[in-house]
PDB file of all heavy atoms in Angstrom:
ATOM      1  N   ASP A   1      80.391 150.379 102.749  1.00  0.00           N
ATOM      2  CA  ASP A   1      80.578 150.563 101.308  1.00  0.00           C
ATOM      3  C   ASP A   1      80.139 149.280 100.613  1.00  0.00           C
ATOM      4  O   ASP A   1      80.851 148.710  99.820  1.00  0.00           O
ATOM      5  CB  ASP A   1      82.052 150.855 101.016  1.00  0.00           C
ATOM      6  CG  ASP A   1      82.313 151.040  99.539  1.00  0.00           C
ATOM      7  OD1 ASP A   1      81.422 151.557  98.848  1.00  0.00           O
ATOM      8  OD2 ASP A   1      83.398 150.647  99.077  1.00  0.00           O
ATOM      9  N   ASN A   2      78.943 148.826 100.945  1.00  0.00           N
ATOM     10  CA  ASN A   2      78.533 147.500 100.504  1.00  0.00           C
ATOM     11  C   ASN A   2      77.517 147.503  99.378  1.00  0.00           C
ATOM     12  O   ASN A   2      76.969 146.471  99.061  1.00  0.00           O
ATOM     13  CB  ASN A   2      77.985 146.704 101.691  1.00  0.00           C
ATOM     14  CG  ASN A   2      76.847 147.420 102.382  1.00  0.00           C
ATOM     15  OD1 ASN A   2      76.417 148.481 101.952  1.00  0.00           O
ATOM     16  ND2 ASN A   2      76.375 146.844 103.470  1.00  0.00           N
ATOM     17  N   SER A   3      77.263 148.630  98.772  1.00  0.00           N
ATOM     18  CA  SER A   3      76.208 148.681  97.764  1.00  0.00           C
ATOM     19  C   SER A   3      76.488 147.772  96.578  1.00  0.00           C
ATOM     20  O   SER A   3      75.783 146.806  96.338  1.00  0.00           O
ATOM     21  CB  SER A   3      75.993 150.122  97.307  1.00  0.00           C
ATOM     22  OG  SER A   3      77.222 150.644  96.824  1.00  0.00           O
ATOM     23  N   SER A   4      77.533 148.041  95.837  1.00  0.00           N
ATOM     24  CA  SER A   4      77.811 147.212  94.666  1.00  0.00           C
ATOM     25  C   SER A   4      78.985 146.276  94.882  1.00  0.00           C
ATOM     26  O   SER A   4      79.102 145.258  94.215  1.00  0.00           O
ATOM     27  CB  SER A   4      78.081 148.099  93.452  1.00  0.00           C
ATOM     28  OG  SER A   4      79.255 148.847  93.650  1.00  0.00           O
ATOM     29  N   PHE A   5      79.862 146.617  95.818  1.00  0.00           N
ATOM     30  CA  PHE A   5      81.050 145.796  96.016  1.00  0.00           C
ATOM     31  C   PHE A   5      80.695 144.403  96.538  1.00  0.00           C
ATOM     32  O   PHE A   5      81.281 143.415  96.109  1.00  0.00           O
ATOM     33  CB  PHE A   5      82.031 146.477  96.986  1.00  0.00           C
ATOM     34  CG  PHE A   5      83.267 145.679  97.223  1.00  0.00           C
ATOM     35  CD1 PHE A   5      84.257 145.604  96.251  1.00  0.00           C
ATOM     36  CD2 PHE A   5      83.442 144.971  98.400  1.00  0.00           C
ATOM     37  CE1 PHE A   5      85.401 144.856  96.452  1.00  0.00           C
ATOM     38  CE2 PHE A   5      84.580 144.215  98.608  1.00  0.00           C
ATOM     39  CZ  PHE A   5      85.557 144.163  97.628  1.00  0.00           C
ATOM     40  N   ILE A   6      79.743 144.314  97.445  1.00  0.00           N
ATOM     41  CA  ILE A   6      79.357 143.011  98.004  1.00  0.00           C
ATOM     42  C   ILE A   6      78.812 142.106  96.906  1.00  0.00           C
ATOM     43  O   ILE A   6      79.150 140.923  96.839  1.00  0.00           O
ATOM     44  CB  ILE A   6      78.319 143.180  99.134  1.00  0.00           C
ATOM     45  CG1 ILE A   6      78.946 143.867 100.336  1.00  0.00           C
ATOM     46  CG2 ILE A   6      77.724 141.848  99.546  1.00  0.00           C
ATOM     47  CD1 ILE A   6      79.965 143.047 101.086  1.00  0.00           C
ATOM     48  N   GLY A   7      77.970 142.636  96.044  1.00  0.00           N
ATOM     49  CA  GLY A   7      77.447 141.841  94.932  1.00  0.00           C
ATOM     50  C   GLY A   7      78.548 141.404  93.986  1.00  0.00           C
ATOM     51  O   GLY A   7      78.565 140.259  93.519  1.00  0.00           O
ATOM     52  N   SER A   8      79.483 142.305  93.698  1.00  0.00           N
ATOM     53  CA  SER A   8      80.615 141.961  92.833  1.00  0.00           C
ATOM     54  C   SER A   8      81.506 140.918  93.485  1.00  0.00           C
ATOM     55  O   SER A   8      81.989 140.002  92.820  1.00  0.00           O
ATOM     56  CB  SER A   8      81.436 143.212  92.510  1.00  0.00           C
ATOM     57  OG  SER A   8      80.676 144.143  91.802  1.00  0.00           O
ATOM     58  N   LEU A   9      81.720 141.060  94.782  1.00  0.00           N
ATOM     59  CA  LEU A   9      82.542 140.099  95.510  1.00  0.00           C
ATOM     60  C   LEU A   9      81.919 138.707  95.466  1.00  0.00           C
ATOM     61  O   LEU A   9      82.600 137.712  95.188  1.00  0.00           O
ATOM     62  CB  LEU A   9      82.720 140.552  96.964  1.00  0.00           C
ATOM     63  CG  LEU A   9      83.638 139.726  97.831  1.00  0.00           C
ATOM     64  CD1 LEU A   9      85.087 139.868  97.369  1.00  0.00           C
ATOM     65  CD2 LEU A   9      83.513 140.151  99.295  1.00  0.00           C
ATOM     66  N   LEU A  10      80.614 138.645  95.690  1.00  0.00           N
ATOM     67  CA  LEU A  10      79.897 137.371  95.630  1.00  0.00           C
ATOM     68  C   LEU A  10      79.968 136.772  94.226  1.00  0.00           C
ATOM     69  O   LEU A  10      80.210 135.573  94.063  1.00  0.00           O
ATOM     70  CB  LEU A  10      78.446 137.576  96.060  1.00  0.00           C
ATOM     71  CG  LEU A  10      77.568 136.343  96.157  1.00  0.00           C
ATOM     72  CD1 LEU A  10      78.073 135.401  97.230  1.00  0.00           C
ATOM     73  CD2 LEU A  10      76.135 136.743  96.462  1.00  0.00           C
ATOM     74  N   PHE A  11      79.806 137.606  93.203  1.00  0.00           N
ATOM     75  CA  PHE A  11      79.861 137.139  91.824  1.00  0.00           C
ATOM     76  C   PHE A  11      81.242 136.583  91.482  1.00  0.00           C
ATOM     77  O   PHE A  11      81.362 135.474  90.950  1.00  0.00           O
ATOM     78  CB  PHE A  11      79.494 138.277  90.861  1.00  0.00           C
ATOM     79  CG  PHE A  11      79.724 137.927  89.418  1.00  0.00           C
ATOM     80  CD1 PHE A  11      78.820 137.121  88.741  1.00  0.00           C
ATOM     81  CD2 PHE A  11      80.852 138.374  88.743  1.00  0.00           C
ATOM     82  CE1 PHE A  11      79.038 136.781  87.408  1.00  0.00           C
ATOM     83  CE2 PHE A  11      81.080 138.042  87.416  1.00  0.00           C
ATOM     84  CZ  PHE A  11      80.171 137.242  86.745  1.00  0.00           C
ATOM     85  N   TRP A  12      82.300 137.346  91.755  1.00  0.00           N
ATOM     86  CA  TRP A  12      83.647 136.919  91.363  1.00  0.00           C
ATOM     87  C   TRP A  12      84.134 135.722  92.165  1.00  0.00           C
ATOM     88  O   TRP A  12      84.841 134.868  91.639  1.00  0.00           O
ATOM     89  CB  TRP A  12      84.627 138.086  91.452  1.00  0.00           C
ATOM     90  CG  TRP A  12      84.399 139.073  90.361  1.00  0.00           C
ATOM     91  CD1 TRP A  12      83.853 140.316  90.479  1.00  0.00           C
ATOM     92  CD2 TRP A  12      84.647 138.879  88.967  1.00  0.00           C
ATOM     93  NE1 TRP A  12      83.751 140.900  89.240  1.00  0.00           N
ATOM     94  CE2 TRP A  12      84.242 140.054  88.296  1.00  0.00           C
ATOM     95  CE3 TRP A  12      85.180 137.834  88.215  1.00  0.00           C
ATOM     96  CZ2 TRP A  12      84.357 140.196  86.919  1.00  0.00           C
ATOM     97  CZ3 TRP A  12      85.292 137.992  86.844  1.00  0.00           C
ATOM     98  CH2 TRP A  12      84.887 139.148  86.215  1.00  0.00           C
ATOM     99  N   ALA A  13      83.738 135.629  93.428  1.00  0.00           N
ATOM    100  CA  ALA A  13      84.108 134.462  94.225  1.00  0.00           C
ATOM    101  C   ALA A  13      83.421 133.209  93.683  1.00  0.00           C
ATOM    102  O   ALA A  13      84.054 132.157  93.527  1.00  0.00           O
ATOM    103  CB  ALA A  13      83.736 134.680  95.694  1.00  0.00           C
ATOM    104  N   THR A  14      82.136 133.331  93.379  1.00  0.00           N
ATOM    105  CA  THR A  14      81.388 132.193  92.835  1.00  0.00           C
ATOM    106  C   THR A  14      81.924 131.787  91.468  1.00  0.00           C
ATOM    107  O   THR A  14      82.117 130.601  91.190  1.00  0.00           O
ATOM    108  CB  THR A  14      79.890 132.535  92.748  1.00  0.00           C
ATOM    109  OG1 THR A  14      79.419 132.888  94.050  1.00  0.00           O
ATOM    110  CG2 THR A  14      79.092 131.368  92.213  1.00  0.00           C
ATOM    111  N   LEU A  15      82.179 132.772  90.608  1.00  0.00           N
ATOM    112  CA  LEU A  15      82.694 132.476  89.274  1.00  0.00           C
ATOM    113  C   LEU A  15      84.066 131.810  89.346  1.00  0.00           C
ATOM    114  O   LEU A  15      84.301 130.793  88.678  1.00  0.00           O
ATOM    115  CB  LEU A  15      82.768 133.754  88.432  1.00  0.00           C
ATOM    116  CG  LEU A  15      83.273 133.567  87.004  1.00  0.00           C
ATOM    117  CD1 LEU A  15      82.277 132.745  86.193  1.00  0.00           C
ATOM    118  CD2 LEU A  15      83.522 134.912  86.348  1.00  0.00           C
ATOM    119  N   GLY A  16      84.955 132.347  90.153  1.00  0.00           N
ATOM    120  CA  GLY A  16      86.293 131.765  90.275  1.00  0.00           C
ATOM    121  C   GLY A  16      86.254 130.346  90.807  1.00  0.00           C
ATOM    122  O   GLY A  16      86.928 129.453  90.283  1.00  0.00           O
ATOM    123  N   ASN A  17      85.456 130.117  91.835  1.00  0.00           N
ATOM    124  CA  ASN A  17      85.375 128.787  92.425  1.00  0.00           C
ATOM    125  C   ASN A  17      84.713 127.798  91.481  1.00  0.00           C
ATOM    126  O   ASN A  17      85.127 126.638  91.392  1.00  0.00           O
ATOM    127  CB  ASN A  17      84.627 128.870  93.754  1.00  0.00           C
ATOM    128  CG  ASN A  17      85.141 127.924  94.785  1.00  0.00           C
ATOM    129  OD1 ASN A  17      84.446 127.002  95.169  1.00  0.00           O
ATOM    130  ND2 ASN A  17      86.365 128.135  95.247  1.00  0.00           N
ATOM    131  N   THR A  18      83.706 128.246  90.746  1.00  0.00           N
ATOM    132  CA  THR A  18      83.034 127.385  89.772  1.00  0.00           C
ATOM    133  C   THR A  18      83.977 127.007  88.637  1.00  0.00           C
ATOM    134  O   THR A  18      84.053 125.838  88.240  1.00  0.00           O
ATOM    135  CB  THR A  18      81.774 128.076  89.223  1.00  0.00           C
ATOM    136  OG1 THR A  18      80.894 128.373  90.311  1.00  0.00           O
ATOM    137  CG2 THR A  18      81.063 127.204  88.221  1.00  0.00           C
ATOM    138  N   LEU A  19      84.698 127.986  88.103  1.00  0.00           N
ATOM    139  CA  LEU A  19      85.638 127.697  87.017  1.00  0.00           C
ATOM    140  C   LEU A  19      86.789 126.807  87.491  1.00  0.00           C
ATOM    141  O   LEU A  19      87.274 125.964  86.735  1.00  0.00           O
ATOM    142  CB  LEU A  19      86.171 129.000  86.415  1.00  0.00           C
ATOM    143  CG  LEU A  19      85.150 129.828  85.647  1.00  0.00           C
ATOM    144  CD1 LEU A  19      85.780 131.121  85.147  1.00  0.00           C
ATOM    145  CD2 LEU A  19      84.539 129.043  84.501  1.00  0.00           C
ATOM    146  N   GLY A  20      87.212 126.969  88.732  1.00  0.00           N
ATOM    147  CA  GLY A  20      88.236 126.079  89.280  1.00  0.00           C
ATOM    148  C   GLY A  20      87.744 124.649  89.375  1.00  0.00           C
ATOM    149  O   GLY A  20      88.467 123.702  89.050  1.00  0.00           O
ATOM    150  N   SER A  21      86.494 124.482  89.797  1.00  0.00           N
ATOM    151  CA  SER A  21      85.922 123.139  89.865  1.00  0.00           C
ATOM    152  C   SER A  21      85.729 122.543  88.480  1.00  0.00           C
ATOM    153  O   SER A  21      85.907 121.345  88.274  1.00  0.00           O
ATOM    154  CB  SER A  21      84.585 123.169  90.609  1.00  0.00           C
ATOM    155  OG  SER A  21      84.793 123.470  91.963  1.00  0.00           O
ATOM    156  N   MET A  22      85.365 123.384  87.516  1.00  0.00           N
ATOM    157  CA  MET A  22      85.219 122.883  86.153  1.00  0.00           C
ATOM    158  C   MET A  22      86.578 122.525  85.549  1.00  0.00           C
ATOM    159  O   MET A  22      86.659 121.640  84.694  1.00  0.00           O
ATOM    160  CB  MET A  22      84.489 123.909  85.278  1.00  0.00           C
ATOM    161  CG  MET A  22      83.008 124.028  85.595  1.00  0.00           C
ATOM    162  SD  MET A  22      82.091 122.474  85.511  1.00  0.00           S
ATOM    163  CE  MET A  22      82.136 122.119  83.754  1.00  0.00           C
ATOM    164  N   THR A  23      87.626 123.175  85.991  1.00  0.00           N
ATOM    165  CA  THR A  23      88.977 122.784  85.574  1.00  0.00           C
ATOM    166  C   THR A  23      89.280 121.381  86.069  1.00  0.00           C
ATOM    167  O   THR A  23      89.795 120.544  85.323  1.00  0.00           O
ATOM    168  CB  THR A  23      90.019 123.786  86.106  1.00  0.00           C
ATOM    169  OG1 THR A  23      89.711 125.085  85.593  1.00  0.00           O
ATOM    170  CG2 THR A  23      91.416 123.393  85.701  1.00  0.00           C
ATOM    171  N   THR A  24      88.933 121.119  87.327  1.00  0.00           N
ATOM    172  CA  THR A  24      89.094 119.768  87.868  1.00  0.00           C
ATOM    173  C   THR A  24      88.259 118.778  87.072  1.00  0.00           C
ATOM    174  O   THR A  24      88.703 117.672  86.765  1.00  0.00           O
ATOM    175  CB  THR A  24      88.683 119.743  89.352  1.00  0.00           C
ATOM    176  OG1 THR A  24      89.483 120.682  90.070  1.00  0.00           O
ATOM    177  CG2 THR A  24      88.858 118.359  89.951  1.00  0.00           C
ATOM    178  N   TYR A  25      87.033 119.168  86.720  1.00  0.00           N
ATOM    179  CA  TYR A  25      86.135 118.333  85.922  1.00  0.00           C
ATOM    180  C   TYR A  25      86.807 117.958  84.596  1.00  0.00           C
ATOM    181  O   TYR A  25      86.840 116.791  84.211  1.00  0.00           O
ATOM    182  CB  TYR A  25      84.829 119.090  85.682  1.00  0.00           C
ATOM    183  CG  TYR A  25      83.883 118.436  84.696  1.00  0.00           C
ATOM    184  CD1 TYR A  25      82.884 117.589  85.133  1.00  0.00           C
ATOM    185  CD2 TYR A  25      83.997 118.671  83.327  1.00  0.00           C
ATOM    186  CE1 TYR A  25      82.008 116.986  84.237  1.00  0.00           C
ATOM    187  CE2 TYR A  25      83.129 118.072  82.426  1.00  0.00           C
ATOM    188  CZ  TYR A  25      82.140 117.245  82.885  1.00  0.00           C
ATOM    189  OH  TYR A  25      81.287 116.653  81.987  1.00  0.00           O
ATOM    190  N   PHE A  26      87.334 118.952  83.877  1.00  0.00           N
ATOM    191  CA  PHE A  26      87.899 118.693  82.551  1.00  0.00           C
ATOM    192  C   PHE A  26      89.226 117.946  82.609  1.00  0.00           C
ATOM    193  O   PHE A  26      89.524 117.160  81.711  1.00  0.00           O
ATOM    194  CB  PHE A  26      88.027 119.989  81.755  1.00  0.00           C
ATOM    195  CG  PHE A  26      86.708 120.483  81.235  1.00  0.00           C
ATOM    196  CD1 PHE A  26      86.183 121.677  81.672  1.00  0.00           C
ATOM    197  CD2 PHE A  26      85.977 119.728  80.330  1.00  0.00           C
ATOM    198  CE1 PHE A  26      84.954 122.129  81.203  1.00  0.00           C
ATOM    199  CE2 PHE A  26      84.746 120.161  79.856  1.00  0.00           C
ATOM    200  CZ  PHE A  26      84.232 121.368  80.296  1.00  0.00           C
ATOM    201  N   VAL A  27      90.006 118.170  83.661  1.00  0.00           N
ATOM    202  CA  VAL A  27      91.242 117.390  83.818  1.00  0.00           C
ATOM    203  C   VAL A  27      90.885 115.923  84.046  1.00  0.00           C
ATOM    204  O   VAL A  27      91.487 115.020  83.462  1.00  0.00           O
ATOM    205  CB  VAL A  27      92.102 117.944  84.968  1.00  0.00           C
ATOM    206  CG1 VAL A  27      93.203 116.984  85.353  1.00  0.00           C
ATOM    207  CG2 VAL A  27      92.691 119.298  84.576  1.00  0.00           C
ATOM    208  N   ALA A  28      89.888 115.677  84.899  1.00  0.00           N
ATOM    209  CA  ALA A  28      89.466 114.299  85.157  1.00  0.00           C
ATOM    210  C   ALA A  28      88.797 113.682  83.935  1.00  0.00           C
ATOM    211  O   ALA A  28      88.848 112.462  83.750  1.00  0.00           O
ATOM    212  CB  ALA A  28      88.510 114.260  86.352  1.00  0.00           C
ATOM    213  N   TYR A  29      88.187 114.506  83.095  1.00  0.00           N
ATOM    214  CA  TYR A  29      87.559 114.021  81.870  1.00  0.00           C
ATOM    215  C   TYR A  29      88.594 113.391  80.939  1.00  0.00           C
ATOM    216  O   TYR A  29      88.292 112.473  80.178  1.00  0.00           O
ATOM    217  CB  TYR A  29      86.836 115.168  81.166  1.00  0.00           C
ATOM    218  CG  TYR A  29      85.952 114.748  80.028  1.00  0.00           C
ATOM    219  CD1 TYR A  29      84.631 114.403  80.262  1.00  0.00           C
ATOM    220  CD2 TYR A  29      86.420 114.699  78.713  1.00  0.00           C
ATOM    221  CE1 TYR A  29      83.792 114.023  79.231  1.00  0.00           C
ATOM    222  CE2 TYR A  29      85.594 114.314  77.674  1.00  0.00           C
ATOM    223  CZ  TYR A  29      84.283 113.971  77.936  1.00  0.00           C
ATOM    224  OH  TYR A  29      83.455 113.589  76.911  1.00  0.00           O
ATOM    225  N   LEU A  30      89.812 113.887  81.007  1.00  0.00           N
ATOM    226  CA  LEU A  30      90.892 113.375  80.150  1.00  0.00           C
ATOM    227  C   LEU A  30      91.412 112.014  80.597  1.00  0.00           C
ATOM    228  O   LEU A  30      92.094 111.331  79.838  1.00  0.00           O
ATOM    229  CB  LEU A  30      92.045 114.379  80.117  1.00  0.00           C
ATOM    230  CG  LEU A  30      91.716 115.754  79.549  1.00  0.00           C
ATOM    231  CD1 LEU A  30      92.914 116.680  79.700  1.00  0.00           C
ATOM    232  CD2 LEU A  30      91.272 115.662  78.103  1.00  0.00           C
ATOM    233  N   ILE A  31      91.108 111.631  81.828  1.00  0.00           N
ATOM    234  CA  ILE A  31      91.567 110.349  82.355  1.00  0.00           C
ATOM    235  C   ILE A  31      90.627 109.255  81.868  1.00  0.00           C
ATOM    236  O   ILE A  31      89.413 109.337  82.064  1.00  0.00           O
ATOM    237  CB  ILE A  31      91.605 110.360  83.896  1.00  0.00           C
ATOM    238  CG1 ILE A  31      92.558 111.441  84.381  1.00  0.00           C
ATOM    239  CG2 ILE A  31      91.997 108.994  84.444  1.00  0.00           C
ATOM    240  CD1 ILE A  31      92.508 111.661  85.875  1.00  0.00           C
ATOM    241  N   PRO A  32      91.152 108.224  81.232  1.00  0.00           N
ATOM    242  CA  PRO A  32      90.262 107.155  80.757  1.00  0.00           C
ATOM    243  C   PRO A  32      89.624 106.407  81.933  1.00  0.00           C
ATOM    244  O   PRO A  32      90.252 106.237  82.975  1.00  0.00           O
ATOM    245  CB  PRO A  32      91.188 106.236  79.952  1.00  0.00           C
ATOM    246  CG  PRO A  32      92.565 106.602  80.347  1.00  0.00           C
ATOM    247  CD  PRO A  32      92.544 107.984  80.893  1.00  0.00           C
ATOM    248  N   PRO A  33      88.376 105.999  81.776  1.00  0.00           N
ATOM    249  CA  PRO A  33      87.698 105.277  82.852  1.00  0.00           C
ATOM    250  C   PRO A  33      88.414 103.962  83.191  1.00  0.00           C
ATOM    251  O   PRO A  33      88.733 103.170  82.314  1.00  0.00           O
ATOM    252  CB  PRO A  33      86.303 105.001  82.296  1.00  0.00           C
ATOM    253  CG  PRO A  33      86.120 105.977  81.200  1.00  0.00           C
ATOM    254  CD  PRO A  33      87.479 106.246  80.649  1.00  0.00           C
ATOM    255  N   LEU A  34      88.659 103.772  84.460  1.00  0.00           N
ATOM    256  CA  LEU A  34      89.277 102.553  84.981  1.00  0.00           C
ATOM    257  C   LEU A  34      88.446 102.065  86.150  1.00  0.00           C
ATOM    258  O   LEU A  34      87.619 102.787  86.680  1.00  0.00           O
ATOM    259  CB  LEU A  34      90.716 102.833  85.452  1.00  0.00           C
ATOM    260  CG  LEU A  34      91.682 103.422  84.436  1.00  0.00           C
ATOM    261  CD1 LEU A  34      92.952 103.852  85.132  1.00  0.00           C
ATOM    262  CD2 LEU A  34      92.004 102.400  83.374  1.00  0.00           C
ATOM    263  N   LYS A  35      88.722 100.873  86.579  1.00  0.00           N
ATOM    264  CA  LYS A  35      88.044 100.367  87.769  1.00  0.00           C
ATOM    265  C   LYS A  35      88.955 100.574  88.966  1.00  0.00           C
ATOM    266  O   LYS A  35      90.152 100.322  88.901  1.00  0.00           O
ATOM    267  CB  LYS A  35      87.705  98.894  87.622  1.00  0.00           C
ATOM    268  CG  LYS A  35      86.648  98.653  86.586  1.00  0.00           C
ATOM    269  CD  LYS A  35      86.097  97.267  86.716  1.00  0.00           C
ATOM    270  CE  LYS A  35      84.983  97.127  85.695  1.00  0.00           C
ATOM    271  NZ  LYS A  35      84.008  96.183  86.083  1.00  0.00           N
ATOM    272  N   PHE A  36      88.352 101.054  90.072  1.00  0.00           N
ATOM    273  CA  PHE A  36      89.103 101.230  91.303  1.00  0.00           C
ATOM    274  C   PHE A  36      89.209  99.895  92.014  1.00  0.00           C
ATOM    275  O   PHE A  36      88.260  99.118  92.072  1.00  0.00           O
ATOM    276  CB  PHE A  36      88.400 102.218  92.244  1.00  0.00           C
ATOM    277  CG  PHE A  36      88.682 103.646  91.918  1.00  0.00           C
ATOM    278  CD1 PHE A  36      87.681 104.468  91.434  1.00  0.00           C
ATOM    279  CD2 PHE A  36      89.945 104.172  92.103  1.00  0.00           C
ATOM    280  CE1 PHE A  36      87.931 105.782  91.140  1.00  0.00           C
ATOM    281  CE2 PHE A  36      90.211 105.489  91.811  1.00  0.00           C
ATOM    282  CZ  PHE A  36      89.205 106.300  91.335  1.00  0.00           C
ATOM    283  N   ALA A  37      90.367  99.631  92.564  1.00  0.00           N
ATOM    284  CA  ALA A  37      90.543  98.444  93.396  1.00  0.00           C
ATOM    285  C   ALA A  37      89.888  98.709  94.746  1.00  0.00           C
ATOM    286  O   ALA A  37      89.765  99.844  95.179  1.00  0.00           O
ATOM    287  CB  ALA A  37      92.023  98.133  93.580  1.00  0.00           C
ATOM    288  N   SER A  38      89.470  97.691  95.413  1.00  0.00           N
ATOM    289  CA  SER A  38      88.791  97.863  96.696  1.00  0.00           C
ATOM    290  C   SER A  38      89.737  98.377  97.776  1.00  0.00           C
ATOM    291  O   SER A  38      89.293  98.826  98.826  1.00  0.00           O
ATOM    292  CB  SER A  38      88.159  96.541  97.144  1.00  0.00           C
ATOM    293  OG  SER A  38      89.168  95.572  97.298  1.00  0.00           O
ATOM    294  N   SER A  39      91.027  98.340  97.535  1.00  0.00           N
ATOM    295  CA  SER A  39      91.983  98.826  98.528  1.00  0.00           C
ATOM    296  C   SER A  39      92.227 100.327  98.409  1.00  0.00           C
ATOM    297  O   SER A  39      93.024 100.875  99.143  1.00  0.00           O
ATOM    298  CB  SER A  39      93.314  98.086  98.363  1.00  0.00           C
ATOM    299  OG  SER A  39      93.864  98.372  97.093  1.00  0.00           O
ATOM    300  N   GLN A  40      91.531 101.015  97.500  1.00  0.00           N
ATOM    301  CA  GLN A  40      91.708 102.456  97.319  1.00  0.00           C
ATOM    302  C   GLN A  40      91.184 103.198  98.541  1.00  0.00           C
ATOM    303  O   GLN A  40      90.516 102.655  99.403  1.00  0.00           O
ATOM    304  CB  GLN A  40      90.960 102.924  96.064  1.00  0.00           C
ATOM    305  CG  GLN A  40      91.545 102.446  94.770  1.00  0.00           C
ATOM    306  CD  GLN A  40      92.859 103.138  94.448  1.00  0.00           C
ATOM    307  OE1 GLN A  40      93.115 104.240  94.876  1.00  0.00           O
ATOM    308  NE2 GLN A  40      93.703 102.450  93.716  1.00  0.00           N
ATOM    309  N   ASN A  41      91.489 104.489  98.569  1.00  0.00           N
ATOM    310  CA  ASN A  41      91.082 105.380  99.641  1.00  0.00           C
ATOM    311  C   ASN A  41      89.563 105.285  99.866  1.00  0.00           C
ATOM    312  O   ASN A  41      88.793 105.342  98.917  1.00  0.00           O
ATOM    313  CB  ASN A  41      91.488 106.796  99.264  1.00  0.00           C
ATOM    314  CG  ASN A  41      91.290 107.776 100.381  1.00  0.00           C
ATOM    315  OD1 ASN A  41      90.561 107.530 101.329  1.00  0.00           O
ATOM    316  ND2 ASN A  41      91.953 108.909 100.264  1.00  0.00           N
ATOM    317  N   SER A  42      89.153 105.173 101.123  1.00  0.00           N
ATOM    318  CA  SER A  42      87.731 104.982 101.419  1.00  0.00           C
ATOM    319  C   SER A  42      86.907 106.219 101.072  1.00  0.00           C
ATOM    320  O   SER A  42      85.743 106.100 100.704  1.00  0.00           O
ATOM    321  CB  SER A  42      87.534 104.613 102.880  1.00  0.00           C
ATOM    322  OG  SER A  42      87.946 105.675 103.718  1.00  0.00           O
TER     323      SER A  42
END
């Protein structure tokens, strides 16, 4: 049953994951730029 469902599944998975990443983008956009100390996570 893969005619249209597979395409829809690919579309909604990509859209959801992209919007989730853009949420991370915009949350980080709200953080003012700072300098990382050299002891931060590698």
